[in-house]
Amino acid sequence: MTNPTDHSIDPKGLIRESYRIEGISDAECRSILIDWALSLPESGSTHDALAALLARHAPGAPDHPMTALLRAGLGQARPRRRTRTRAS
């Protein structure tokens, strides 16, 4: 699992900043979460990153819309499958 204090899971600080925005809406959080997800490296685990972000932010903001989205994403995130090509 990714270390919850690891800044590489939120290098642009998008998730961190979303928690600082007073009165942020669900739609705004969804937009931020999509931007965050698109900036993840392909080699990383989305599931682990979501879990680490929840561990970092949810305890201090359990009712925040981003917390709900992170939880929902964690339930849907699947480990990336690695495909191998066969040599002919």
Protein backbone atom coordinates (compact mmCIF):
# COMPACT_ATOMS: atom_id res chain seq x y z
CA MET A 1 0.00 0.00 0.00
CA THR A 2 1.11 3.54 -0.71
CA ASN A 3 2.32 5.62 2.23
CA PRO A 4 -0.41 8.18 3.13
CA THR A 5 2.21 10.91 3.59
CA ASP A 6 3.73 10.22 0.16
CA HIS A 7 3.31 13.37 -1.95
CA SER A 8 3.69 11.44 -5.20
CA ILE A 9 0.04 10.32 -4.92
CA ASP A 10 -1.11 13.94 -5.22
CA PRO A 11 1.82 15.71 -6.88
CA LYS A 12 -0.21 18.71 -8.06
CA GLY A 13 -1.93 19.00 -4.67
CA LEU A 14 -5.34 18.78 -6.34
CA ILE A 15 -6.96 16.58 -3.72
CA ARG A 16 -5.35 18.49 -0.84
CA GLU A 17 -6.61 21.80 -2.21
CA SER A 18 -10.13 20.46 -2.78
CA TYR A 19 -10.39 19.87 0.97
CA ARG A 20 -9.46 23.51 1.59
CA ILE A 21 -12.17 24.98 -0.66
CA GLU A 22 -15.09 26.12 1.47
CA GLY A 23 -18.45 24.96 0.13
CA ILE A 24 -17.04 22.92 -2.76
CA SER A 25 -19.72 21.01 -4.68
CA ASP A 26 -19.89 17.36 -5.67
CA ALA A 27 -19.52 18.34 -9.33
CA GLU A 28 -16.40 20.38 -8.61
CA CYS A 29 -14.92 17.48 -6.65
CA ARG A 30 -15.66 15.08 -9.53
CA SER A 31 -13.87 17.39 -11.94
CA ILE A 32 -10.86 17.63 -9.63
CA LEU A 33 -10.81 13.86 -9.10
CA ILE A 34 -10.83 13.23 -12.85
CA ASP A 35 -7.94 15.66 -13.34
CA TRP A 36 -6.06 13.91 -10.53
CA ALA A 37 -6.71 10.45 -12.01
CA LEU A 38 -5.53 11.52 -15.45
CA SER A 39 -2.25 12.74 -13.97
CA LEU A 40 -1.43 9.43 -12.25
CA PRO A 41 1.51 7.53 -13.68
CA GLU A 42 0.52 4.37 -15.55
CA SER A 43 2.78 2.27 -13.36
CA GLY A 44 0.99 3.28 -10.16
CA SER A 45 -1.91 1.58 -8.46
CA THR A 46 -5.06 3.70 -8.49
CA HIS A 47 -6.52 1.58 -5.70
CA ASP A 48 -3.51 2.16 -3.44
CA ALA A 49 -3.43 5.89 -4.22
CA LEU A 50 -7.14 6.27 -3.41
CA ALA A 51 -6.69 4.33 -0.16
CA ALA A 52 -3.75 6.53 0.83
CA LEU A 53 -5.67 9.72 0.04
CA LEU A 54 -8.58 8.49 2.16
CA ALA A 55 -6.23 7.67 5.02
CA ARG A 56 -4.74 11.16 4.74
CA HIS A 57 -7.89 13.27 4.39
CA ALA A 58 -11.01 11.41 5.52
CA PRO A 59 -10.39 11.44 9.27
CA GLY A 60 -10.47 15.24 9.35
CA ALA A 61 -13.32 15.62 6.87
CA PRO A 62 -15.61 12.58 6.93
CA ASP A 63 -18.56 14.48 5.42
CA HIS A 64 -16.64 16.26 2.66
CA PRO A 65 -17.83 15.52 -0.90
CA MET A 66 -14.30 14.51 -1.93
CA THR A 67 -14.24 11.91 0.84
CA ALA A 68 -17.42 10.36 -0.57
CA LEU A 69 -15.94 10.32 -4.08
CA LEU A 70 -12.68 8.77 -2.90
CA ARG A 71 -14.65 6.05 -1.12
CA ALA A 72 -16.76 5.43 -4.21
CA GLY A 73 -13.66 5.31 -6.39
CA LEU A 74 -11.98 2.91 -4.02
CA GLY A 75 -14.91 0.54 -4.42
CA GLN A 76 -14.59 0.69 -8.20
CA ALA A 77 -10.82 0.81 -8.63
CA ARG A 78 -9.35 -2.39 -9.92
CA PRO A 79 -5.70 -3.29 -10.11
CA ARG A 80 -4.35 -2.70 -13.58
CA ARG A 81 -3.77 -5.85 -15.52
CA ARG A 82 -0.48 -6.32 -17.17
CA THR A 83 -0.54 -7.81 -20.59
CA ARG A 84 2.24 -9.76 -22.14
CA THR A 85 2.83 -10.24 -25.78
CA ARG A 86 3.68 -13.65 -27.06
CA ALA A 87 6.68 -14.15 -29.23
CA SER A 88 5.79 -15.83 -32.52
